[in-house]
Amino acid sequence: MSEQAKLYSVIEDAMRRPFFPYEPARQSLKQWTMFVLRDKGFKVVYAQNADFAIERGGEKLYFKVSDTNHELDGKFAWIVWDNATKTLSVIPPAN
C-alpha cells in the first residue's frame, strides 16, 4: 500500500471515530469534518478550489465533502456522508 493510500485509510479511520457524531441539523458536513480532522491532529488549511486541504510535509491533499456520491470530481479526494446508513467514506482522487 502506498504512503498516500495509507494516509487516506488513516483519515477514514479518524472520521469513523469522531469526538461527537455528525448531526445535519446542528452543523454543516464541512464544518464537522474539519473539526473532527483537527481534533485528531491533522493540519487542516484553507483551499481556494476545494472545501479544505490537509497539509502534510509541505504537501497538500485537497478535499471536498458531499452527502451524495454522484458526479464526484475525480481530481479531489472526497469525504462522503451517506444519510441513509449514517456512514462516512473517504474517496481518494482518481488521478
Protein backbone atom coordinates (compact mmCIF):
# COMPACT_ATOMS: atom_id res chain seq x y z
CA MET A 1 0.00 0.00 0.00
CA SER A 2 1.42 3.39 -0.98
CA GLU A 3 2.12 6.10 1.59
CA GLN A 4 -0.74 8.23 0.25
CA ALA A 5 -3.17 5.27 0.31
CA LYS A 6 -2.23 4.68 3.95
CA LEU A 7 -2.94 8.32 4.73
CA TYR A 8 -6.43 8.13 3.22
CA SER A 9 -7.05 5.00 5.30
CA VAL A 10 -5.93 6.82 8.47
CA ILE A 11 -8.19 9.77 7.63
CA GLU A 12 -11.17 7.46 7.09
CA ASP A 13 -10.48 5.69 10.39
CA ALA A 14 -10.28 9.05 12.21
CA MET A 15 -13.58 10.15 10.68
CA ARG A 16 -15.31 6.95 11.79
CA ARG A 17 -14.39 7.60 15.44
CA PRO A 18 -15.34 11.25 15.97
CA PHE A 19 -15.49 13.13 19.27
CA PHE A 20 -19.21 13.65 18.62
CA PRO A 21 -21.43 12.26 15.84
CA TYR A 22 -22.45 14.23 12.78
CA GLU A 23 -25.88 15.82 13.17
CA PRO A 24 -27.02 17.56 9.95
CA ALA A 25 -29.49 19.75 11.84
CA ARG A 26 -26.72 21.18 14.05
CA GLN A 27 -23.74 21.77 11.75
CA SER A 28 -22.67 21.54 8.13
CA LEU A 29 -20.82 18.46 6.94
CA LYS A 30 -17.83 20.63 6.01
CA GLN A 31 -17.61 22.25 9.46
CA TRP A 32 -17.99 18.92 11.24
CA THR A 33 -15.40 17.20 9.03
CA MET A 34 -12.85 19.96 9.56
CA PHE A 35 -13.44 19.89 13.34
CA VAL A 36 -13.02 16.10 13.54
CA LEU A 37 -9.81 16.14 11.49
CA ARG A 38 -8.31 18.97 13.58
CA ASP A 39 -9.36 17.16 16.76
CA LYS A 40 -7.49 14.05 15.51
CA GLY A 41 -4.31 16.10 14.93
CA PHE A 42 -4.47 16.81 11.20
CA LYS A 43 -3.40 20.23 9.94
CA VAL A 44 -6.50 21.45 8.09
CA VAL A 45 -5.88 24.55 5.96
CA TYR A 46 -7.74 26.81 3.55
CA ALA A 47 -8.02 25.68 -0.06
CA GLN A 48 -9.21 28.04 -2.76
CA ASN A 49 -10.70 25.44 -5.13
CA ALA A 50 -11.71 22.77 -2.61
CA ASP A 51 -13.58 22.72 0.69
CA PHE A 52 -10.29 22.39 2.60
CA ALA A 53 -6.86 20.81 2.41
CA ILE A 54 -4.82 18.68 4.78
CA GLU A 55 -1.20 19.79 4.88
CA ARG A 56 1.43 17.17 5.47
CA GLY A 57 5.15 17.67 4.99
CA GLY A 58 4.68 20.67 2.72
CA GLU A 59 2.24 18.76 0.52
CA LYS A 60 -1.49 19.50 0.43
CA LEU A 61 -4.23 16.94 -0.09
CA TYR A 62 -7.38 18.66 -1.36
CA PHE A 63 -10.79 17.53 -0.15
CA LYS A 64 -14.41 18.21 -0.89
CA VAL A 65 -17.35 16.97 1.15
CA SER A 66 -20.72 15.75 -0.08
CA ASP A 67 -23.83 13.98 1.10
CA THR A 68 -24.12 12.13 -2.20
CA ASN A 69 -21.64 10.04 -4.16
CA HIS A 70 -22.96 11.07 -7.57
CA GLU A 71 -20.86 13.04 -10.08
CA LEU A 72 -17.79 13.48 -7.88
CA ASP A 73 -14.90 15.38 -9.47
CA GLY A 74 -12.01 12.89 -9.64
CA LYS A 75 -9.29 15.48 -9.14
CA PHE A 76 -10.23 15.86 -5.46
CA ALA A 77 -10.42 13.46 -2.56
CA TRP A 78 -13.97 13.28 -1.21
CA ILE A 79 -15.48 12.73 2.21
CA VAL A 80 -18.97 11.44 1.55
CA TRP A 81 -21.74 11.12 4.13
CA ASP A 82 -24.49 8.55 3.47
CA ASN A 83 -27.51 9.77 5.41
CA ALA A 84 -29.44 6.52 4.87
CA THR A 85 -26.83 4.35 6.60
CA LYS A 86 -25.26 7.15 8.74
CA THR A 87 -21.83 6.16 7.47
CA LEU A 88 -18.95 8.12 6.06
CA SER A 89 -16.42 7.17 3.41
CA VAL A 90 -13.22 8.72 2.12
CA ILE A 91 -12.71 8.50 -1.64
CA PRO A 92 -9.18 9.25 -2.89
CA PRO A 93 -8.75 11.29 -6.07
CA ALA A 94 -8.93 9.35 -9.33
CA ASN A 95 -5.59 10.59 -10.67
